[in-house]
Amino acid sequence: MAVSKSTNTYNRQNWEDSDFPILCQTCLGDNPYIRMTKEKYGKECKICVRPFTVFRWCPGARMRFKKTEICQTCSKLKNVCQTCLLDLEYGLPIQVRDAALKIQDDLPRNEVNKEYYIQNLDNQMSKYDATQPSNSALKSKGASDLLLRLARTAPYYKRNRPHVCSFWVKGECRRGEECPYRHEKPTDPDDPLADQNIKDR
């Protein structure tokens, strides 16, 4: 169903259009020669539900394709990678980092209030240096020793591997070497880290 411009409630002047995503080293991959596709206003941000520029790329050979999930405004606000939603400085989930730093999530729940809040943050962030994290609470050193102990110091490229082939596990995969999925035994299903979700971060 097509929506006319007059009935659309979005403020088009504030839709994000960017040239390169904000990514962690793991999501970018170890290949220095990646090709990236760019789609203007390709998806809605998973946090603020505003259209943003979607980037898609393959981080290396025999890896699965990755794409951006949140807009750059939310990424700068929370200082996280646009794809994996892990903290750019420490490599930790947002919930762990925020609990250690005692940061409260003050994003409004109402759509109109959320749009107004994000619009004001965009204006504030345009005045600051783009290389620094915009969240001032991240600069406090109170819990930094705890975060440094928990932090992931090196990229973890195994996270970019393809998923396990479910047909191979059943013994029914007929693709052989051409199969884009891994032909390995899956991890223990009772392991709490076996089933991870982007919404849990």
C-alpha atoms as a PDB file:
ATOM      1  CA  MET A   1       0.000   0.000   0.000  1.00  0.00           C
ATOM      2  CA  ALA A   2       1.466   3.333  -1.051  1.00  0.00           C
ATOM      3  CA  VAL A   3       1.432   6.151   1.480  1.00  0.00           C
ATOM      4  CA  SER A   4       1.180   9.694   0.183  1.00  0.00           C
ATOM      5  CA  LYS A   5       3.578  12.337   1.457  1.00  0.00           C
ATOM      6  CA  SER A   6       0.774  14.261   3.129  1.00  0.00           C
ATOM      7  CA  THR A   7      -0.376  11.278   5.207  1.00  0.00           C
ATOM      8  CA  ASN A   8       3.102  10.136   6.218  1.00  0.00           C
ATOM      9  CA  THR A   9       3.896  11.232   9.771  1.00  0.00           C
ATOM     10  CA  TYR A  10       7.691  11.121   9.414  1.00  0.00           C
ATOM     11  CA  ASN A  11       9.651  14.336   9.265  1.00  0.00           C
ATOM     12  CA  ARG A  12      11.639  13.673   6.097  1.00  0.00           C
ATOM     13  CA  GLN A  13      14.156  16.429   6.784  1.00  0.00           C
ATOM     14  CA  ASN A  14      15.563  14.380   9.669  1.00  0.00           C
ATOM     15  CA  TRP A  15      15.952  11.060   7.859  1.00  0.00           C
ATOM     16  CA  GLU A  16      19.528   9.877   8.011  1.00  0.00           C
ATOM     17  CA  ASP A  17      21.727   9.791   4.924  1.00  0.00           C
ATOM     18  CA  SER A  18      25.332   8.762   5.618  1.00  0.00           C
ATOM     19  CA  ASP A  19      28.376   7.724   3.585  1.00  0.00           C
ATOM     20  CA  PHE A  20      29.919   5.094   5.875  1.00  0.00           C
ATOM     21  CA  PRO A  21      28.621   3.087   8.864  1.00  0.00           C
ATOM     22  CA  ILE A  22      29.869   3.193  12.463  1.00  0.00           C
ATOM     23  CA  LEU A  23      31.282  -0.314  12.981  1.00  0.00           C
ATOM     24  CA  CYS A  24      33.484  -2.276  15.344  1.00  0.00           C
ATOM     25  CA  GLN A  25      36.588  -4.061  14.034  1.00  0.00           C
ATOM     26  CA  THR A  26      34.931  -7.486  14.315  1.00  0.00           C
ATOM     27  CA  CYS A  27      31.963  -6.546  12.123  1.00  0.00           C
ATOM     28  CA  LEU A  28      34.199  -4.817   9.589  1.00  0.00           C
ATOM     29  CA  GLY A  29      36.252  -8.012   9.246  1.00  0.00           C
ATOM     30  CA  ASP A  30      39.898  -8.734   8.583  1.00  0.00           C
ATOM     31  CA  ASN A  31      39.708  -8.150   4.816  1.00  0.00           C
ATOM     32  CA  PRO A  32      40.969  -4.634   3.955  1.00  0.00           C
ATOM     33  CA  TYR A  33      39.323  -4.819   0.486  1.00  0.00           C
ATOM     34  CA  ILE A  34      35.623  -5.139   1.194  1.00  0.00           C
ATOM     35  CA  ARG A  35      32.841  -4.043  -1.116  1.00  0.00           C
ATOM     36  CA  MET A  36      29.884  -2.412   0.554  1.00  0.00           C
ATOM     37  CA  THR A  37      26.422  -1.726  -0.837  1.00  0.00           C
ATOM     38  CA  LYS A  38      24.476   1.315   0.294  1.00  0.00           C
ATOM     39  CA  GLU A  39      20.691   1.679   0.268  1.00  0.00           C
ATOM     40  CA  LYS A  40      19.254   5.072   1.200  1.00  0.00           C
ATOM     41  CA  TYR A  41      16.371   4.807   3.668  1.00  0.00           C
ATOM     42  CA  GLY A  42      16.447   1.019   3.315  1.00  0.00           C
ATOM     43  CA  LYS A  43      15.099   0.042   6.755  1.00  0.00           C
ATOM     44  CA  GLU A  44      13.743   1.421   9.987  1.00  0.00           C
ATOM     45  CA  CYS A  45      16.103   1.732  12.918  1.00  0.00           C
ATOM     46  CA  LYS A  46      15.426  -0.979  15.528  1.00  0.00           C
ATOM     47  CA  ILE A  47      15.573   1.628  18.321  1.00  0.00           C
ATOM     48  CA  CYS A  48      14.049   4.897  17.085  1.00  0.00           C
ATOM     49  CA  VAL A  49      12.035   3.464  14.138  1.00  0.00           C
ATOM     50  CA  ARG A  50      13.264   6.141  11.685  1.00  0.00           C
ATOM     51  CA  PRO A  51      14.436   5.268   8.150  1.00  0.00           C
ATOM     52  CA  PHE A  52      18.197   5.226   7.727  1.00  0.00           C
ATOM     53  CA  THR A  53      20.861   4.305   5.173  1.00  0.00           C
ATOM     54  CA  VAL A  54      21.498   0.547   5.210  1.00  0.00           C
ATOM     55  CA  PHE A  55      24.972  -0.806   4.430  1.00  0.00           C
ATOM     56  CA  ARG A  56      25.597  -4.472   3.528  1.00  0.00           C
ATOM     57  CA  TRP A  57      28.963  -6.210   3.109  1.00  0.00           C
ATOM     58  CA  CYS A  58      30.810  -9.514   3.493  1.00  0.00           C
ATOM     59  CA  PRO A  59      33.574  -9.192   6.121  1.00  0.00           C
ATOM     60  CA  GLY A  60      35.775 -11.908   4.609  1.00  0.00           C
ATOM     61  CA  ALA A  61      35.977 -15.199   2.732  1.00  0.00           C
ATOM     62  CA  ARG A  62      33.527 -17.883   3.919  1.00  0.00           C
ATOM     63  CA  MET A  63      31.783 -15.331   6.154  1.00  0.00           C
ATOM     64  CA  ARG A  64      28.115 -14.388   6.162  1.00  0.00           C
ATOM     65  CA  PHE A  65      26.900 -11.032   4.911  1.00  0.00           C
ATOM     66  CA  LYS A  66      26.346  -8.349   7.541  1.00  0.00           C
ATOM     67  CA  LYS A  67      24.171  -5.249   7.484  1.00  0.00           C
ATOM     68  CA  THR A  68      23.526  -2.249   9.686  1.00  0.00           C
ATOM     69  CA  GLU A  69      20.576  -2.572  12.090  1.00  0.00           C
ATOM     70  CA  ILE A  70      20.352   0.843  13.780  1.00  0.00           C
ATOM     71  CA  CYS A  71      20.792   4.433  12.601  1.00  0.00           C
ATOM     72  CA  GLN A  72      23.916   6.496  13.207  1.00  0.00           C
ATOM     73  CA  THR A  73      22.121   8.804  15.637  1.00  0.00           C
ATOM     74  CA  CYS A  74      21.304   5.912  17.989  1.00  0.00           C
ATOM     75  CA  SER A  75      24.789   4.479  17.443  1.00  0.00           C
ATOM     76  CA  LYS A  76      26.460   7.762  18.421  1.00  0.00           C
ATOM     77  CA  LEU A  77      24.068   8.288  21.321  1.00  0.00           C
ATOM     78  CA  LYS A  78      24.824   4.884  22.845  1.00  0.00           C
ATOM     79  CA  ASN A  79      28.409   4.570  21.465  1.00  0.00           C
ATOM     80  CA  VAL A  80      27.688   1.165  19.893  1.00  0.00           C
ATOM     81  CA  CYS A  81      28.362  -0.606  16.606  1.00  0.00           C
ATOM     82  CA  GLN A  82      25.525  -0.218  14.088  1.00  0.00           C
ATOM     83  CA  THR A  83      25.519  -3.950  13.325  1.00  0.00           C
ATOM     84  CA  CYS A  84      26.238  -5.999  16.466  1.00  0.00           C
ATOM     85  CA  LEU A  85      25.094  -3.349  19.010  1.00  0.00           C
ATOM     86  CA  LEU A  86      28.153  -3.965  21.174  1.00  0.00           C
ATOM     87  CA  ASP A  87      29.991  -1.063  22.797  1.00  0.00           C
ATOM     88  CA  LEU A  88      32.691   0.400  20.528  1.00  0.00           C
ATOM     89  CA  GLU A  89      35.166   1.047  23.332  1.00  0.00           C
ATOM     90  CA  TYR A  90      34.874  -2.131  25.421  1.00  0.00           C
ATOM     91  CA  GLY A  91      33.167  -4.657  23.105  1.00  0.00           C
ATOM     92  CA  LEU A  92      30.504  -5.381  25.739  1.00  0.00           C
ATOM     93  CA  PRO A  93      26.705  -5.550  25.440  1.00  0.00           C
ATOM     94  CA  ILE A  94      24.988  -2.229  26.173  1.00  0.00           C
ATOM     95  CA  GLN A  95      23.162  -3.648  29.185  1.00  0.00           C
ATOM     96  CA  VAL A  96      26.415  -4.740  30.875  1.00  0.00           C
ATOM     97  CA  ARG A  97      28.144  -1.435  30.152  1.00  0.00           C
ATOM     98  CA  ASP A  98      25.166   0.642  31.328  1.00  0.00           C
ATOM     99  CA  ALA A  99      24.856  -1.391  34.541  1.00  0.00           C
ATOM    100  CA  ALA A 100      28.551  -0.848  35.329  1.00  0.00           C
ATOM    101  CA  LEU A 101      28.373   2.883  34.573  1.00  0.00           C
ATOM    102  CA  LYS A 102      24.899   3.277  36.172  1.00  0.00           C
ATOM    103  CA  ILE A 103      23.426   4.850  33.017  1.00  0.00           C
ATOM    104  CA  GLN A 104      19.638   5.090  32.757  1.00  0.00           C
ATOM    105  CA  ASP A 105      17.913   4.670  29.381  1.00  0.00           C
ATOM    106  CA  ASP A 106      15.889   7.876  29.008  1.00  0.00           C
ATOM    107  CA  LEU A 107      14.565   7.353  25.462  1.00  0.00           C
ATOM    108  CA  PRO A 108      10.828   8.226  25.383  1.00  0.00           C
ATOM    109  CA  ARG A 109       8.376   5.437  24.510  1.00  0.00           C
ATOM    110  CA  ASN A 110       5.767   7.600  22.734  1.00  0.00           C
ATOM    111  CA  GLU A 111       6.367   7.932  18.955  1.00  0.00           C
ATOM    112  CA  VAL A 112       5.986  11.725  18.837  1.00  0.00           C
ATOM    113  CA  ASN A 113       8.146  12.272  21.916  1.00  0.00           C
ATOM    114  CA  LYS A 114      10.750   9.843  20.578  1.00  0.00           C
ATOM    115  CA  GLU A 115      10.891  11.717  17.243  1.00  0.00           C
ATOM    116  CA  TYR A 116      11.265  15.073  19.036  1.00  0.00           C
ATOM    117  CA  TYR A 117      13.936  13.674  21.393  1.00  0.00           C
ATOM    118  CA  ILE A 118      16.004  12.187  18.544  1.00  0.00           C
ATOM    119  CA  GLN A 119      15.638  15.390  16.509  1.00  0.00           C
ATOM    120  CA  ASN A 120      17.041  17.449  19.406  1.00  0.00           C
ATOM    121  CA  LEU A 121      19.896  14.971  19.899  1.00  0.00           C
ATOM    122  CA  ASP A 122      20.747  15.228  16.197  1.00  0.00           C
ATOM    123  CA  ASN A 123      21.019  18.996  16.538  1.00  0.00           C
ATOM    124  CA  GLN A 124      23.206  18.693  19.656  1.00  0.00           C
ATOM    125  CA  MET A 125      25.486  16.069  18.086  1.00  0.00           C
ATOM    126  CA  SER A 126      26.027  18.152  14.968  1.00  0.00           C
ATOM    127  CA  LYS A 127      27.756  20.743  17.199  1.00  0.00           C
ATOM    128  CA  TYR A 128      30.189  18.216  18.767  1.00  0.00           C
ATOM    129  CA  ASP A 129      33.287  16.503  17.428  1.00  0.00           C
ATOM    130  CA  ALA A 130      32.231  13.375  15.528  1.00  0.00           C
ATOM    131  CA  THR A 131      35.242  11.341  16.697  1.00  0.00           C
ATOM    132  CA  GLN A 132      34.299  11.492  20.396  1.00  0.00           C
ATOM    133  CA  PRO A 133      31.487   9.472  22.003  1.00  0.00           C
ATOM    134  CA  SER A 134      28.522  11.755  22.564  1.00  0.00           C
ATOM    135  CA  ASN A 135      27.455  10.179  25.839  1.00  0.00           C
ATOM    136  CA  SER A 136      29.136  12.189  28.581  1.00  0.00           C
ATOM    137  CA  ALA A 137      28.620   9.420  31.148  1.00  0.00           C
ATOM    138  CA  LEU A 138      31.023   7.203  29.191  1.00  0.00           C
ATOM    139  CA  LYS A 139      33.871   9.564  30.082  1.00  0.00           C
ATOM    140  CA  SER A 140      33.531   8.992  33.833  1.00  0.00           C
ATOM    141  CA  LYS A 141      36.280   6.737  35.201  1.00  0.00           C
ATOM    142  CA  GLY A 142      34.343   5.369  38.198  1.00  0.00           C
ATOM    143  CA  ALA A 143      33.639   1.928  36.776  1.00  0.00           C
ATOM    144  CA  SER A 144      36.280   1.925  34.057  1.00  0.00           C
ATOM    145  CA  ASP A 145      38.512  -0.603  35.854  1.00  0.00           C
ATOM    146  CA  LEU A 146      35.621  -3.089  35.956  1.00  0.00           C
ATOM    147  CA  LEU A 147      34.856  -2.454  32.288  1.00  0.00           C
ATOM    148  CA  LEU A 148      38.515  -2.828  31.350  1.00  0.00           C
ATOM    149  CA  ARG A 149      38.608  -6.235  33.051  1.00  0.00           C
ATOM    150  CA  LEU A 150      35.453  -7.329  31.200  1.00  0.00           C
ATOM    151  CA  ALA A 151      36.426  -5.745  27.876  1.00  0.00           C
ATOM    152  CA  ARG A 152      37.215  -7.737  24.771  1.00  0.00           C
ATOM    153  CA  THR A 153      40.610  -6.473  23.644  1.00  0.00           C
ATOM    154  CA  ALA A 154      40.966  -8.177  20.241  1.00  0.00           C
ATOM    155  CA  PRO A 155      38.467  -8.673  17.405  1.00  0.00           C
ATOM    156  CA  TYR A 156      36.521 -11.940  17.513  1.00  0.00           C
ATOM    157  CA  TYR A 157      36.134 -12.897  13.844  1.00  0.00           C
ATOM    158  CA  LYS A 158      34.445 -16.237  14.603  1.00  0.00           C
ATOM    159  CA  ARG A 159      31.292 -14.220  15.190  1.00  0.00           C
ATOM    160  CA  ASN A 160      31.122 -13.521  11.429  1.00  0.00           C
ATOM    161  CA  ARG A 161      31.039 -17.198  10.462  1.00  0.00           C
ATOM    162  CA  PRO A 162      27.934 -18.577   8.709  1.00  0.00           C
ATOM    163  CA  HIS A 163      25.311 -20.431  10.705  1.00  0.00           C
ATOM    164  CA  VAL A 164      25.386 -24.227  11.031  1.00  0.00           C
ATOM    165  CA  CYS A 165      23.633 -26.045   8.162  1.00  0.00           C
ATOM    166  CA  SER A 166      20.499 -27.632   9.628  1.00  0.00           C
ATOM    167  CA  PHE A 167      20.219 -30.029   6.668  1.00  0.00           C
ATOM    168  CA  TRP A 168      23.801 -31.249   7.250  1.00  0.00           C
ATOM    169  CA  VAL A 169      22.975 -31.935  10.917  1.00  0.00           C
ATOM    170  CA  LYS A 170      20.045 -34.115   9.738  1.00  0.00           C
ATOM    171  CA  GLY A 171      22.314 -35.741   7.120  1.00  0.00           C
ATOM    172  CA  GLU A 172      20.306 -34.349   4.194  1.00  0.00           C
ATOM    173  CA  CYS A 173      22.495 -31.537   2.770  1.00  0.00           C
ATOM    174  CA  ARG A 174      23.106 -32.122  -0.948  1.00  0.00           C
ATOM    175  CA  ARG A 175      25.062 -28.913  -1.644  1.00  0.00           C
ATOM    176  CA  GLY A 176      28.451 -30.186  -0.523  1.00  0.00           C
ATOM    177  CA  GLU A 177      31.220 -27.586  -0.888  1.00  0.00           C
ATOM    178  CA  GLU A 178      28.793 -25.071  -2.431  1.00  0.00           C
ATOM    179  CA  CYS A 179      26.732 -24.880   0.758  1.00  0.00           C
ATOM    180  CA  PRO A 180      26.964 -21.355   2.222  1.00  0.00           C
ATOM    181  CA  TYR A 181      26.434 -22.720   5.745  1.00  0.00           C
ATOM    182  CA  ARG A 182      28.927 -24.465   8.054  1.00  0.00           C
ATOM    183  CA  HIS A 183      29.106 -28.245   8.093  1.00  0.00           C
ATOM    184  CA  GLU A 184      29.906 -28.663  11.794  1.00  0.00           C
ATOM    185  CA  LYS A 185      28.204 -30.135  14.796  1.00  0.00           C
ATOM    186  CA  PRO A 186      26.173 -27.476  16.626  1.00  0.00           C
ATOM    187  CA  THR A 187      27.069 -26.360  20.125  1.00  0.00           C
ATOM    188  CA  ASP A 188      25.376 -27.848  23.160  1.00  0.00           C
ATOM    189  CA  PRO A 189      21.724 -26.631  23.164  1.00  0.00           C
ATOM    190  CA  ASP A 190      21.761 -26.472  26.992  1.00  0.00           C
ATOM    191  CA  ASP A 191      24.552 -23.887  26.879  1.00  0.00           C
ATOM    192  CA  PRO A 192      23.040 -20.481  27.774  1.00  0.00           C
ATOM    193  CA  LEU A 193      25.260 -18.805  25.157  1.00  0.00           C
ATOM    194  CA  ALA A 194      24.051 -21.107  22.366  1.00  0.00           C
ATOM    195  CA  ASP A 195      21.000 -18.953  21.595  1.00  0.00           C
ATOM    196  CA  GLN A 196      21.907 -15.266  21.429  1.00  0.00           C
ATOM    197  CA  ASN A 197      19.623 -12.515  20.223  1.00  0.00           C
ATOM    198  CA  ILE A 198      20.296  -8.938  19.144  1.00  0.00           C
ATOM    199  CA  LYS A 199      17.438  -7.763  21.383  1.00  0.00           C
ATOM    200  CA  ASP A 200      19.208  -9.190  24.454  1.00  0.00           C
ATOM    201  CA  ARG A 201      21.997  -6.625  24.043  1.00  0.00           C
END
